[in-house]
Amino acid sequence: MSTVKSVIASESVIAPFTKAKSATFTHLWLRHIAACLMALLTATITIPGMTTYLTASAADQILIPILLFPLIWLGLFMYSYLAKQAYRPWLLMLLLILSHAWLSYSAIWGQS
């Protein structure tokens, strides 16, 4: 019994649990907003933009983005929390929003 107590009390077992907090969860409010609001907004705007570059039949151009919506949202949601810096998900989502909004706009108004 004394060997078990000495192993539990040793520094090698306790040390991994007492390390400093990881830098992954800095700027937590920015990550919450990016994960909850921006991921949903980005996934929603991505759907009509995807129909412009999918080369399939008309039914598949609508069906595939709708089926991919949960995966896109989940990927963006998880990336919002797992990114090393808090600004990276924001940049990625803003780039996706702007590019897919431009694709949708150009498809509607007939520009190339």
Protein backbone atom coordinates (compact mmCIF):
# COMPACT_ATOMS: atom_id res chain seq x y z
CA MET A 1 0.00 0.00 0.00
CA SER A 2 2.86 2.36 0.69
CA THR A 3 4.20 1.94 -2.86
CA VAL A 4 0.86 3.02 -4.31
CA LYS A 5 0.85 6.16 -2.16
CA SER A 6 4.43 6.96 -3.14
CA VAL A 7 3.63 6.55 -6.83
CA ILE A 8 0.54 8.76 -6.55
CA ALA A 9 2.44 11.41 -4.63
CA SER A 10 5.38 11.39 -7.02
CA GLU A 11 5.92 14.42 -9.16
CA SER A 12 5.78 12.49 -12.44
CA VAL A 13 2.11 11.59 -11.93
CA ILE A 14 0.93 14.95 -10.58
CA ALA A 15 2.99 17.22 -12.86
CA PRO A 16 0.95 16.78 -16.06
CA PHE A 17 -2.21 17.84 -14.24
CA THR A 18 -0.70 20.96 -12.70
CA LYS A 19 0.73 22.56 -15.84
CA ALA A 20 -0.17 26.12 -16.72
CA LYS A 21 -3.33 26.77 -18.70
CA SER A 22 -2.87 26.29 -22.44
CA ALA A 23 -2.89 29.30 -24.74
CA THR A 24 -5.55 27.65 -26.90
CA PHE A 25 -8.39 29.25 -24.99
CA THR A 26 -7.32 32.88 -25.07
CA HIS A 27 -9.90 35.50 -26.03
CA LEU A 28 -12.73 33.19 -25.09
CA TRP A 29 -15.55 35.67 -25.87
CA LEU A 30 -14.21 36.22 -29.38
CA ARG A 31 -14.13 32.47 -29.85
CA HIS A 32 -17.70 32.10 -28.56
CA ILE A 33 -18.98 34.74 -30.97
CA ALA A 34 -17.03 33.25 -33.86
CA ALA A 35 -18.25 29.74 -33.08
CA CYS A 36 -21.89 30.52 -32.46
CA LEU A 37 -22.72 33.42 -34.76
CA MET A 38 -20.06 33.62 -37.44
CA ALA A 39 -19.94 29.87 -38.12
CA LEU A 40 -23.70 29.79 -38.66
CA LEU A 41 -23.66 32.93 -40.82
CA THR A 42 -20.71 31.66 -42.86
CA ALA A 43 -22.26 28.24 -43.43
CA THR A 44 -25.53 29.87 -44.47
CA ILE A 45 -23.89 32.25 -46.96
CA THR A 46 -21.66 29.48 -48.30
CA ILE A 47 -24.66 27.40 -49.47
CA PRO A 48 -25.86 29.65 -52.34
CA GLY A 49 -22.27 30.44 -53.31
CA MET A 50 -21.44 26.75 -53.69
CA THR A 51 -24.11 26.30 -56.33
CA THR A 52 -22.11 28.50 -58.72
CA TYR A 53 -19.00 26.30 -58.85
CA LEU A 54 -20.44 22.79 -58.48
CA THR A 55 -20.47 21.05 -61.85
CA ALA A 56 -23.44 18.74 -61.54
CA SER A 57 -27.06 18.69 -62.56
CA ALA A 58 -29.31 21.45 -61.28
CA ALA A 59 -30.81 19.21 -58.61
CA ASP A 60 -27.38 18.15 -57.35
CA GLN A 61 -26.14 21.74 -57.32
CA ILE A 62 -28.82 22.46 -54.73
CA LEU A 63 -28.76 19.14 -52.88
CA ILE A 64 -25.02 18.83 -52.25
CA PRO A 65 -24.58 22.22 -50.47
CA ILE A 66 -27.65 21.55 -48.35
CA LEU A 67 -26.29 18.16 -47.31
CA LEU A 68 -22.87 19.68 -46.60
CA PHE A 69 -24.28 22.50 -44.45
CA PRO A 70 -23.98 20.63 -41.11
CA LEU A 71 -20.42 19.56 -41.88
CA ILE A 72 -19.39 23.08 -42.88
CA TRP A 73 -20.96 24.52 -39.74
CA LEU A 74 -19.37 21.87 -37.51
CA GLY A 75 -15.94 22.37 -39.05
CA LEU A 76 -16.08 26.13 -38.61
CA PHE A 77 -17.45 25.77 -35.07
CA MET A 78 -14.62 23.45 -34.03
CA TYR A 79 -11.97 25.53 -35.77
CA SER A 80 -13.15 28.60 -33.86
CA TYR A 81 -12.14 26.96 -30.61
CA LEU A 82 -9.10 24.99 -31.75
CA ALA A 83 -7.22 27.65 -33.72
CA LYS A 84 -3.93 28.81 -32.23
CA GLN A 85 -4.81 32.49 -32.51
CA ALA A 86 -8.30 33.84 -32.05
CA TYR A 87 -8.17 36.03 -35.17
CA ARG A 88 -7.59 33.16 -37.63
CA PRO A 89 -11.17 31.81 -37.60
CA TRP A 90 -12.45 35.35 -38.06
CA LEU A 91 -10.23 35.88 -41.11
CA LEU A 92 -11.18 32.53 -42.61
CA MET A 93 -14.90 33.10 -42.10
CA LEU A 94 -14.78 36.66 -43.43
CA LEU A 95 -12.92 35.42 -46.51
CA LEU A 96 -15.52 32.68 -47.04
CA ILE A 97 -18.40 35.13 -46.55
CA LEU A 98 -16.99 37.71 -48.96
CA SER A 99 -16.03 35.20 -51.64
CA HIS A 100 -19.34 33.32 -51.57
CA ALA A 101 -21.36 36.51 -51.38
CA TRP A 102 -19.51 37.74 -54.48
CA LEU A 103 -20.14 34.40 -56.24
CA SER A 104 -23.85 34.61 -55.42
CA TYR A 105 -24.05 38.25 -56.50
CA SER A 106 -22.28 37.56 -59.79
CA ALA A 107 -24.53 34.55 -60.50
CA ILE A 108 -27.67 36.59 -59.89
CA TRP A 109 -26.62 39.63 -61.93
CA GLY A 110 -24.88 37.67 -64.67
CA GLN A 111 -21.37 39.00 -64.17
CA SER A 112 -18.31 36.79 -64.49
